[in-house]
């Protein structure tokens, strides 16, 4: 209690609860608390959209995150796969990453992650579908792809590279 009374005048000027001050002074290590950071996203609070663009040599597939209400922090493992018209996954065209972002209400400022698809030399032809999947295979978003990147090196496999926060 001596610590509490020693800091009670500071407590009143900061308008912080006594429990926070007592806990912070009683611990052997200090962990900074960021009161401005939004809380973690709850189930179903954040939603994804995909957008595709690009030229002949590469296709960019961008994942955007937004919320229906309020802001929240999101840290979520996701994967992107490209499927053919029959729903089968294209060989060697899948990539995994972790999305770490602050989701906000409304239009996102930029993509949470961008995948760059290059060198498609497979037999299948468009249309294709890009699918954003969770770690357990749950679908978060899908985007129709009318094209595919050009086959520049027939002996090399197609690449789908994730660039987080791009």
N, C-alpha and C. Protein backbone atom coordinates (compact mmCIF):
# COMPACT_ATOMS: atom_id res chain seq x y z
N UNK A 1 0.82 -1.20 0.00
CA UNK A 1 0.00 0.00 0.00
C UNK A 1 0.85 1.25 0.00
N UNK A 2 2.08 1.17 0.46
CA UNK A 2 2.94 2.34 0.50
C UNK A 2 3.21 2.83 -0.92
N UNK A 3 3.42 1.88 -1.86
CA UNK A 3 3.64 2.28 -3.26
C UNK A 3 2.42 3.00 -3.80
N UNK A 4 1.25 2.51 -3.48
CA UNK A 4 0.03 3.11 -4.01
C UNK A 4 -0.15 4.53 -3.51
N UNK A 5 0.05 4.76 -2.24
CA UNK A 5 -0.14 6.11 -1.70
C UNK A 5 0.94 7.05 -2.21
N UNK A 6 2.15 6.53 -2.47
CA UNK A 6 3.22 7.36 -3.00
C UNK A 6 2.89 7.87 -4.40
N UNK A 7 2.16 7.06 -5.18
CA UNK A 7 1.83 7.43 -6.55
C UNK A 7 0.39 7.93 -6.70
N UNK A 8 -0.33 8.08 -5.63
CA UNK A 8 -1.74 8.44 -5.73
C UNK A 8 -1.95 9.81 -6.35
N UNK A 9 -1.06 10.78 -6.14
CA UNK A 9 -1.24 12.11 -6.75
C UNK A 9 -1.03 12.03 -8.25
N UNK A 10 -0.07 11.20 -8.71
CA UNK A 10 0.12 11.01 -10.16
C UNK A 10 -1.07 10.28 -10.76
N UNK A 11 -1.59 9.32 -10.03
CA UNK A 11 -2.74 8.55 -10.50
C UNK A 11 -3.93 9.46 -10.78
N UNK A 12 -4.20 10.38 -9.90
CA UNK A 12 -5.34 11.28 -10.10
C UNK A 12 -5.13 12.16 -11.31
N UNK A 13 -3.90 12.63 -11.55
CA UNK A 13 -3.66 13.51 -12.69
C UNK A 13 -3.71 12.76 -14.01
N UNK A 14 -3.39 11.46 -14.03
CA UNK A 14 -3.44 10.67 -15.25
C UNK A 14 -4.79 10.04 -15.50
N UNK A 15 -5.63 10.01 -14.52
CA UNK A 15 -6.96 9.39 -14.58
C UNK A 15 -6.86 7.91 -14.95
N UNK A 16 -5.85 7.21 -14.38
CA UNK A 16 -5.69 5.78 -14.61
C UNK A 16 -6.25 5.01 -13.43
N UNK A 17 -6.78 3.83 -13.64
CA UNK A 17 -7.28 3.03 -12.52
C UNK A 17 -6.14 2.61 -11.59
N UNK A 18 -6.43 2.51 -10.31
CA UNK A 18 -5.43 2.16 -9.31
C UNK A 18 -4.85 0.78 -9.58
N UNK A 19 -5.64 -0.13 -10.10
CA UNK A 19 -5.18 -1.50 -10.34
C UNK A 19 -4.02 -1.51 -11.32
N UNK A 20 -4.07 -0.70 -12.37
CA UNK A 20 -3.00 -0.65 -13.36
C UNK A 20 -1.72 -0.16 -12.73
N UNK A 21 -1.77 0.90 -11.92
CA UNK A 21 -0.58 1.44 -11.29
C UNK A 21 -0.02 0.45 -10.29
N UNK A 22 -0.85 -0.16 -9.46
CA UNK A 22 -0.40 -1.11 -8.47
C UNK A 22 0.26 -2.31 -9.14
N UNK A 23 -0.34 -2.83 -10.22
CA UNK A 23 0.22 -3.98 -10.94
C UNK A 23 1.55 -3.61 -11.57
N UNK A 24 1.63 -2.46 -12.21
CA UNK A 24 2.84 -2.05 -12.90
C UNK A 24 3.99 -1.83 -11.93
N UNK A 25 3.74 -1.31 -10.74
CA UNK A 25 4.82 -1.05 -9.79
C UNK A 25 5.20 -2.31 -9.02
N UNK A 26 4.32 -3.30 -8.95
CA UNK A 26 4.61 -4.50 -8.18
C UNK A 26 5.38 -5.54 -8.99
N UNK A 27 5.37 -5.47 -10.31
CA UNK A 27 6.03 -6.45 -11.17
C UNK A 27 7.54 -6.20 -11.21
N UNK A 28 8.30 -7.27 -11.43
CA UNK A 28 9.75 -7.12 -11.50
C UNK A 28 10.19 -6.62 -12.86
N UNK A 29 9.42 -6.86 -13.93
CA UNK A 29 9.75 -6.34 -15.25
C UNK A 29 8.63 -5.43 -15.71
N UNK A 30 8.98 -4.48 -16.54
CA UNK A 30 8.00 -3.52 -17.02
C UNK A 30 7.70 -3.79 -18.48
N UNK A 31 6.44 -3.90 -18.82
CA UNK A 31 6.00 -4.09 -20.19
C UNK A 31 5.19 -2.87 -20.58
N UNK A 32 5.62 -2.15 -21.63
CA UNK A 32 4.85 -0.96 -22.02
C UNK A 32 3.47 -1.35 -22.53
N UNK A 33 2.49 -0.57 -22.15
CA UNK A 33 1.12 -0.82 -22.58
C UNK A 33 0.75 0.25 -23.59
N UNK A 34 0.35 -0.19 -24.78
CA UNK A 34 -0.05 0.74 -25.83
C UNK A 34 -1.56 0.85 -25.81
N UNK A 35 -2.07 1.92 -25.18
CA UNK A 35 -3.51 2.11 -25.07
C UNK A 35 -4.15 2.51 -26.40
N UNK A 36 -3.34 2.90 -27.39
CA UNK A 36 -3.89 3.33 -28.68
C UNK A 36 -4.08 2.18 -29.64
N UNK A 37 -3.48 1.01 -29.40
CA UNK A 37 -3.60 -0.13 -30.30
C UNK A 37 -5.01 -0.71 -30.23
N UNK A 38 -5.60 -1.02 -31.38
CA UNK A 38 -6.93 -1.62 -31.35
C UNK A 38 -6.87 -3.05 -30.82
N UNK A 39 -7.98 -3.58 -30.36
CA UNK A 39 -8.01 -4.96 -29.85
C UNK A 39 -7.87 -5.96 -31.00
N UNK A 40 -7.56 -7.22 -30.68
CA UNK A 40 -7.51 -8.25 -31.72
C UNK A 40 -8.89 -8.40 -32.38
N UNK A 41 -8.90 -8.77 -33.65
CA UNK A 41 -10.16 -8.98 -34.36
C UNK A 41 -10.91 -10.18 -33.79
N UNK A 42 -12.19 -10.04 -33.62
CA UNK A 42 -13.04 -11.13 -33.18
C UNK A 42 -13.46 -12.00 -34.37
N UNK A 43 -14.06 -13.15 -34.11
CA UNK A 43 -14.51 -14.02 -35.19
C UNK A 43 -15.48 -13.28 -36.12
N UNK A 44 -15.17 -13.31 -37.40
CA UNK A 44 -16.05 -12.69 -38.39
C UNK A 44 -15.99 -11.17 -38.46
N UNK A 45 -15.14 -10.53 -37.65
CA UNK A 45 -15.10 -9.06 -37.66
C UNK A 45 -14.41 -8.50 -38.90
N UNK A 46 -13.34 -9.15 -39.35
CA UNK A 46 -12.60 -8.67 -40.53
C UNK A 46 -12.95 -9.52 -41.73
N UNK A 47 -13.00 -8.88 -42.88
CA UNK A 47 -13.30 -9.58 -44.12
C UNK A 47 -12.25 -9.28 -45.17
N UNK A 48 -12.05 -10.22 -46.09
CA UNK A 48 -11.05 -10.08 -47.15
C UNK A 48 -11.71 -9.86 -48.50
N UNK A 49 -11.03 -9.13 -49.36
CA UNK A 49 -11.38 -9.06 -50.78
C UNK A 49 -10.09 -9.27 -51.56
N UNK A 50 -10.20 -9.86 -52.75
CA UNK A 50 -9.06 -10.07 -53.63
C UNK A 50 -9.22 -9.20 -54.86
N UNK A 51 -8.10 -8.77 -55.42
CA UNK A 51 -8.10 -7.96 -56.63
C UNK A 51 -6.92 -8.43 -57.48
N UNK A 52 -7.15 -8.63 -58.77
CA UNK A 52 -6.09 -9.11 -59.66
C UNK A 52 -5.80 -8.07 -60.74
N UNK A 53 -4.53 -7.94 -61.07
CA UNK A 53 -4.11 -7.04 -62.15
C UNK A 53 -2.75 -7.52 -62.65
N UNK A 54 -2.34 -7.00 -63.76
CA UNK A 54 -1.01 -7.35 -64.24
C UNK A 54 -0.92 -7.35 -65.74
N UNK A 55 0.25 -7.67 -66.20
CA UNK A 55 0.53 -7.69 -67.62
C UNK A 55 0.79 -9.10 -68.10
N UNK A 56 1.59 -9.18 -69.15
CA UNK A 56 1.86 -10.47 -69.77
C UNK A 56 2.78 -11.37 -68.95
N UNK A 57 3.78 -10.77 -68.28
CA UNK A 57 4.80 -11.60 -67.62
C UNK A 57 4.47 -11.96 -66.18
N UNK A 58 3.59 -11.20 -65.53
CA UNK A 58 3.23 -11.51 -64.15
C UNK A 58 1.81 -11.06 -63.86
N UNK A 59 1.22 -11.73 -62.90
CA UNK A 59 -0.13 -11.38 -62.46
C UNK A 59 -0.04 -11.06 -60.97
N UNK A 60 -0.56 -9.90 -60.56
CA UNK A 60 -0.57 -9.51 -59.15
C UNK A 60 -1.94 -9.80 -58.56
N UNK A 61 -1.96 -10.50 -57.43
CA UNK A 61 -3.20 -10.81 -56.74
C UNK A 61 -3.07 -10.22 -55.34
N UNK A 62 -3.89 -9.20 -55.06
CA UNK A 62 -3.78 -8.46 -53.81
C UNK A 62 -4.94 -8.80 -52.88
N UNK A 63 -4.61 -8.99 -51.60
CA UNK A 63 -5.62 -9.26 -50.58
C UNK A 63 -5.78 -8.02 -49.71
N UNK A 64 -7.00 -7.51 -49.63
CA UNK A 64 -7.33 -6.35 -48.81
C UNK A 64 -8.16 -6.80 -47.62
N UNK A 65 -8.00 -6.12 -46.48
CA UNK A 65 -8.73 -6.45 -45.26
C UNK A 65 -9.50 -5.23 -44.80
N UNK A 66 -10.75 -5.41 -44.43
CA UNK A 66 -11.55 -4.33 -43.85
C UNK A 66 -12.50 -4.93 -42.82
N UNK A 67 -13.03 -4.08 -41.95
CA UNK A 67 -13.99 -4.53 -40.95
C UNK A 67 -15.35 -3.90 -41.20
N UNK A 68 -16.36 -4.52 -40.65
CA UNK A 68 -17.71 -3.96 -40.75
C UNK A 68 -17.92 -2.87 -39.69
N UNK A 69 -17.27 -3.06 -38.53
CA UNK A 69 -17.40 -2.09 -37.44
C UNK A 69 -16.07 -1.97 -36.71
N UNK A 70 -15.62 -0.76 -36.46
CA UNK A 70 -14.44 -0.51 -35.65
C UNK A 70 -13.15 -1.01 -36.25
N UNK A 71 -12.06 -0.80 -35.53
CA UNK A 71 -10.73 -1.25 -35.95
C UNK A 71 -10.31 -2.43 -35.08
N UNK A 72 -9.45 -3.29 -35.64
CA UNK A 72 -8.93 -4.42 -34.87
C UNK A 72 -7.61 -4.86 -35.47
N UNK A 73 -6.81 -5.57 -34.65
CA UNK A 73 -5.53 -6.12 -35.11
C UNK A 73 -5.77 -7.53 -35.63
N UNK A 74 -5.12 -7.83 -36.76
CA UNK A 74 -5.28 -9.15 -37.38
C UNK A 74 -3.92 -9.78 -37.58
N UNK A 75 -3.75 -11.00 -37.12
CA UNK A 75 -2.56 -11.80 -37.38
C UNK A 75 -3.08 -13.19 -37.71
N UNK A 76 -3.01 -13.54 -38.99
CA UNK A 76 -3.71 -14.73 -39.47
C UNK A 76 -2.91 -15.41 -40.57
N UNK A 77 -2.62 -16.73 -40.43
CA UNK A 77 -1.97 -17.44 -41.53
C UNK A 77 -2.97 -17.66 -42.67
N UNK A 78 -2.55 -17.33 -43.87
CA UNK A 78 -3.40 -17.52 -45.05
C UNK A 78 -2.57 -18.10 -46.18
N UNK A 79 -3.26 -18.69 -47.13
CA UNK A 79 -2.62 -19.21 -48.32
C UNK A 79 -3.42 -18.80 -49.53
N UNK A 80 -2.76 -18.74 -50.67
CA UNK A 80 -3.44 -18.44 -51.93
C UNK A 80 -3.20 -19.61 -52.85
N UNK A 81 -4.27 -20.09 -53.46
CA UNK A 81 -4.12 -21.12 -54.46
C UNK A 81 -4.86 -20.70 -55.72
N UNK A 82 -4.40 -21.22 -56.85
CA UNK A 82 -5.03 -20.94 -58.13
C UNK A 82 -5.68 -22.24 -58.60
N UNK A 83 -6.98 -22.15 -58.90
CA UNK A 83 -7.73 -23.32 -59.35
C UNK A 83 -8.12 -23.16 -60.82
N UNK A 84 -8.24 -24.30 -61.52
CA UNK A 84 -8.70 -24.26 -62.91
C UNK A 84 -10.22 -24.18 -62.95
N UNK A 85 -10.78 -24.19 -64.14
CA UNK A 85 -12.22 -24.04 -64.33
C UNK A 85 -13.02 -25.15 -63.66
N UNK A 86 -12.41 -26.34 -63.51
CA UNK A 86 -13.09 -27.47 -62.87
C UNK A 86 -12.91 -27.48 -61.35
N UNK A 87 -12.16 -26.55 -60.82
CA UNK A 87 -11.95 -26.49 -59.37
C UNK A 87 -10.72 -27.20 -58.88
N UNK A 88 -9.92 -27.76 -59.77
CA UNK A 88 -8.69 -28.44 -59.36
C UNK A 88 -7.55 -27.45 -59.21
N UNK A 89 -6.73 -27.65 -58.18
CA UNK A 89 -5.60 -26.74 -57.94
C UNK A 89 -4.53 -26.94 -59.00
N UNK A 90 -4.02 -25.83 -59.53
CA UNK A 90 -2.94 -25.92 -60.50
C UNK A 90 -1.68 -26.41 -59.81
N UNK A 91 -0.93 -27.28 -60.47
CA UNK A 91 0.28 -27.84 -59.90
C UNK A 91 1.30 -26.74 -59.57
N UNK A 92 1.88 -26.81 -58.39
CA UNK A 92 2.95 -25.92 -57.94
C UNK A 92 2.55 -24.45 -57.89
N UNK A 93 1.26 -24.17 -57.76
CA UNK A 93 0.83 -22.77 -57.68
C UNK A 93 0.03 -22.58 -56.39
N UNK A 94 0.76 -22.47 -55.28
CA UNK A 94 0.15 -22.18 -53.98
C UNK A 94 1.22 -21.51 -53.13
N UNK A 95 0.82 -20.61 -52.27
CA UNK A 95 1.77 -19.90 -51.43
C UNK A 95 1.12 -19.55 -50.10
N UNK A 96 1.90 -19.64 -49.01
CA UNK A 96 1.40 -19.35 -47.67
C UNK A 96 2.17 -18.18 -47.07
N UNK A 97 1.50 -17.40 -46.25
CA UNK A 97 2.12 -16.30 -45.52
C UNK A 97 1.23 -15.98 -44.32
N UNK A 98 1.65 -15.06 -43.50
CA UNK A 98 0.82 -14.60 -42.39
C UNK A 98 0.48 -13.14 -42.60
N UNK A 99 -0.81 -12.83 -42.56
CA UNK A 99 -1.27 -11.45 -42.67
C UNK A 99 -1.19 -10.84 -41.28
N UNK A 100 -0.46 -9.73 -41.15
CA UNK A 100 -0.37 -8.97 -39.90
C UNK A 100 -0.69 -7.52 -40.24
N UNK A 101 -1.85 -7.07 -39.82
CA UNK A 101 -2.28 -5.72 -40.17
C UNK A 101 -3.30 -5.21 -39.17
N UNK A 102 -3.58 -3.93 -39.24
CA UNK A 102 -4.69 -3.34 -38.50
C UNK A 102 -5.82 -3.15 -39.49
N UNK A 103 -6.92 -3.82 -39.26
CA UNK A 103 -8.09 -3.71 -40.13
C UNK A 103 -8.95 -2.54 -39.66
N UNK A 104 -9.44 -1.78 -40.61
CA UNK A 104 -10.27 -0.62 -40.29
C UNK A 104 -11.57 -0.68 -41.06
N UNK A 105 -12.55 0.09 -40.61
CA UNK A 105 -13.83 0.18 -41.28
C UNK A 105 -13.65 0.93 -42.60
N UNK A 106 -14.35 0.48 -43.63
CA UNK A 106 -14.32 1.20 -44.91
C UNK A 106 -13.29 0.64 -45.87
N UNK A 107 -12.86 1.48 -46.80
CA UNK A 107 -11.92 1.07 -47.84
C UNK A 107 -10.50 0.99 -47.27
N UNK A 108 -9.81 -0.15 -47.46
CA UNK A 108 -8.44 -0.28 -46.95
C UNK A 108 -7.48 0.67 -47.66
N UNK A 109 -6.46 1.13 -46.95
CA UNK A 109 -5.47 2.03 -47.53
C UNK A 109 -4.59 1.31 -48.55
N UNK A 110 -4.33 0.06 -48.34
CA UNK A 110 -3.48 -0.72 -49.24
C UNK A 110 -3.64 -2.19 -48.95
N UNK A 111 -3.05 -3.03 -49.81
CA UNK A 111 -3.20 -4.48 -49.60
C UNK A 111 -2.44 -4.97 -48.37
N UNK A 112 -2.99 -5.97 -47.71
CA UNK A 112 -2.31 -6.60 -46.58
C UNK A 112 -1.20 -7.52 -47.08
N UNK A 113 -1.40 -8.09 -48.24
CA UNK A 113 -0.40 -8.96 -48.88
C UNK A 113 -0.67 -8.98 -50.38
N UNK A 114 0.39 -9.08 -51.16
CA UNK A 114 0.28 -9.21 -52.62
C UNK A 114 1.02 -10.47 -53.03
N UNK A 115 0.39 -11.27 -53.85
CA UNK A 115 1.06 -12.43 -54.44
C UNK A 115 1.42 -12.08 -55.88
N UNK A 116 2.61 -12.49 -56.30
CA UNK A 116 3.07 -12.29 -57.67
C UNK A 116 3.16 -13.66 -58.32
N UNK A 117 2.34 -13.85 -59.35
CA UNK A 117 2.31 -15.13 -60.08
C UNK A 117 3.08 -14.96 -61.37
N UNK A 118 4.08 -15.81 -61.60
CA UNK A 118 4.90 -15.74 -62.80
C UNK A 118 5.05 -17.11 -63.45
N UNK A 119 5.36 -17.09 -64.74
CA UNK A 119 5.78 -18.25 -65.52
C UNK A 119 4.78 -19.42 -65.52
N UNK A 120 3.58 -19.21 -66.04
CA UNK A 120 2.62 -20.31 -66.16
C UNK A 120 2.82 -21.03 -67.48
N UNK A 121 3.29 -22.28 -67.40
CA UNK A 121 3.55 -23.10 -68.60
C UNK A 121 2.69 -24.36 -68.61
N UNK A 122 1.65 -24.40 -67.79
CA UNK A 122 0.80 -25.58 -67.67
C UNK A 122 -0.14 -25.75 -68.85
N UNK A 123 -0.79 -26.89 -68.87
CA UNK A 123 -1.73 -27.23 -69.94
C UNK A 123 -3.06 -26.49 -69.82
N UNK A 124 -3.48 -26.22 -68.58
CA UNK A 124 -4.77 -25.57 -68.36
C UNK A 124 -4.75 -24.13 -68.86
N UNK A 125 -5.90 -23.70 -69.33
CA UNK A 125 -6.04 -22.32 -69.81
C UNK A 125 -7.11 -21.60 -68.99
N UNK A 126 -7.06 -20.27 -68.95
CA UNK A 126 -8.06 -19.50 -68.20
C UNK A 126 -9.45 -19.80 -68.73
N UNK A 127 -10.47 -19.59 -67.92
CA UNK A 127 -10.45 -18.83 -66.67
C UNK A 127 -9.95 -19.67 -65.49
N UNK A 128 -9.31 -18.98 -64.57
CA UNK A 128 -8.85 -19.55 -63.32
C UNK A 128 -9.53 -18.81 -62.18
N UNK A 129 -9.38 -19.34 -60.97
CA UNK A 129 -9.90 -18.68 -59.76
C UNK A 129 -8.81 -18.65 -58.71
N UNK A 130 -8.54 -17.46 -58.17
CA UNK A 130 -7.62 -17.32 -57.04
C UNK A 130 -8.46 -17.46 -55.78
N UNK A 131 -8.02 -18.31 -54.85
CA UNK A 131 -8.75 -18.53 -53.60
C UNK A 131 -7.83 -18.23 -52.42
N UNK A 132 -8.31 -17.36 -51.52
CA UNK A 132 -7.61 -17.05 -50.28
C UNK A 132 -8.14 -17.99 -49.22
N UNK A 133 -7.26 -18.80 -48.65
CA UNK A 133 -7.66 -19.85 -47.70
C UNK A 133 -6.98 -19.67 -46.35
N UNK A 134 -7.68 -20.06 -45.30
CA UNK A 134 -7.11 -20.08 -43.96
C UNK A 134 -6.28 -21.32 -43.75
N UNK A 135 -5.64 -21.41 -42.60
CA UNK A 135 -4.76 -22.53 -42.28
C UNK A 135 -5.49 -23.87 -42.29
N UNK A 136 -6.78 -23.87 -41.98
CA UNK A 136 -7.58 -25.10 -41.97
C UNK A 136 -8.31 -25.33 -43.29
N UNK A 137 -8.01 -24.53 -44.31
CA UNK A 137 -8.64 -24.69 -45.61
C UNK A 137 -9.93 -23.91 -45.80
N UNK A 138 -10.32 -23.10 -44.80
CA UNK A 138 -11.55 -22.32 -44.93
C UNK A 138 -11.35 -21.20 -45.96
N UNK A 139 -12.35 -20.98 -46.80
CA UNK A 139 -12.26 -19.96 -47.85
C UNK A 139 -12.61 -18.59 -47.29
N UNK A 140 -11.73 -17.61 -47.51
CA UNK A 140 -11.97 -16.23 -47.09
C UNK A 140 -12.43 -15.35 -48.24
N UNK A 141 -11.91 -15.60 -49.44
CA UNK A 141 -12.27 -14.77 -50.60
C UNK A 141 -11.86 -15.51 -51.87
N UNK A 142 -12.48 -15.12 -52.97
CA UNK A 142 -12.15 -15.69 -54.29
C UNK A 142 -12.22 -14.59 -55.33
N UNK A 143 -11.41 -14.74 -56.39
CA UNK A 143 -11.39 -13.76 -57.47
C UNK A 143 -11.18 -14.51 -58.79
N UNK A 144 -12.05 -14.24 -59.76
CA UNK A 144 -11.89 -14.82 -61.10
C UNK A 144 -10.67 -14.20 -61.78
N UNK A 145 -9.91 -15.04 -62.46
CA UNK A 145 -8.74 -14.58 -63.22
C UNK A 145 -8.98 -14.89 -64.69
N UNK A 146 -9.00 -13.86 -65.51
CA UNK A 146 -9.25 -14.04 -66.94
C UNK A 146 -7.99 -14.40 -67.71
N UNK A 147 -6.84 -14.27 -67.08
CA UNK A 147 -5.58 -14.54 -67.76
C UNK A 147 -4.60 -15.23 -66.84
N UNK A 148 -3.43 -15.49 -67.39
CA UNK A 148 -2.34 -16.12 -66.65
C UNK A 148 -1.04 -15.50 -67.14
N UNK A 149 0.01 -15.55 -66.31
CA UNK A 149 1.29 -15.01 -66.77
C UNK A 149 1.87 -15.85 -67.91
N UNK A 150 2.65 -15.21 -68.75
CA UNK A 150 3.25 -15.88 -69.90
C UNK A 150 4.27 -16.93 -69.46
N UNK A 151 4.44 -17.93 -70.30
CA UNK A 151 5.44 -18.97 -70.08
C UNK A 151 6.76 -18.47 -70.66
N UNK A 152 7.64 -17.98 -69.79
CA UNK A 152 8.92 -17.43 -70.24
C UNK A 152 10.05 -18.46 -70.17
N UNK A 153 9.93 -19.41 -69.24
CA UNK A 153 10.95 -20.44 -69.06
C UNK A 153 10.26 -21.80 -68.90
N UNK A 154 10.05 -22.53 -70.00
CA UNK A 154 9.28 -23.78 -69.96
C UNK A 154 9.83 -24.84 -69.00
N UNK A 155 11.11 -24.83 -68.71
CA UNK A 155 11.69 -25.84 -67.83
C UNK A 155 11.59 -25.45 -66.35
N UNK A 156 11.18 -24.23 -66.08
CA UNK A 156 11.04 -23.76 -64.70
C UNK A 156 9.59 -23.85 -64.27
N UNK A 157 9.35 -24.18 -63.00
CA UNK A 157 7.97 -24.26 -62.51
C UNK A 157 7.38 -22.86 -62.33
N UNK A 158 6.09 -22.80 -62.34
CA UNK A 158 5.38 -21.55 -62.09
C UNK A 158 5.62 -21.13 -60.65
N UNK A 159 5.68 -19.82 -60.39
CA UNK A 159 5.94 -19.31 -59.05
C UNK A 159 4.78 -18.42 -58.59
N UNK A 160 4.43 -18.56 -57.33
CA UNK A 160 3.46 -17.68 -56.68
C UNK A 160 4.13 -17.21 -55.39
N UNK A 161 4.59 -15.95 -55.39
CA UNK A 161 5.40 -15.42 -54.30
C UNK A 161 4.59 -14.40 -53.49
N UNK A 162 4.56 -14.58 -52.18
CA UNK A 162 3.84 -13.66 -51.29
C UNK A 162 4.76 -12.53 -50.86
N UNK A 163 4.22 -11.30 -50.92
CA UNK A 163 4.93 -10.12 -50.46
C UNK A 163 4.03 -9.43 -49.43
N UNK A 164 4.22 -9.72 -48.11
CA UNK A 164 3.35 -9.15 -47.08
C UNK A 164 3.44 -7.62 -47.03
N UNK A 165 2.29 -7.00 -46.73
CA UNK A 165 2.23 -5.56 -46.53
C UNK A 165 2.56 -4.73 -47.74
N UNK A 166 2.33 -5.26 -48.92
CA UNK A 166 2.72 -4.54 -50.13
C UNK A 166 1.54 -3.92 -50.84
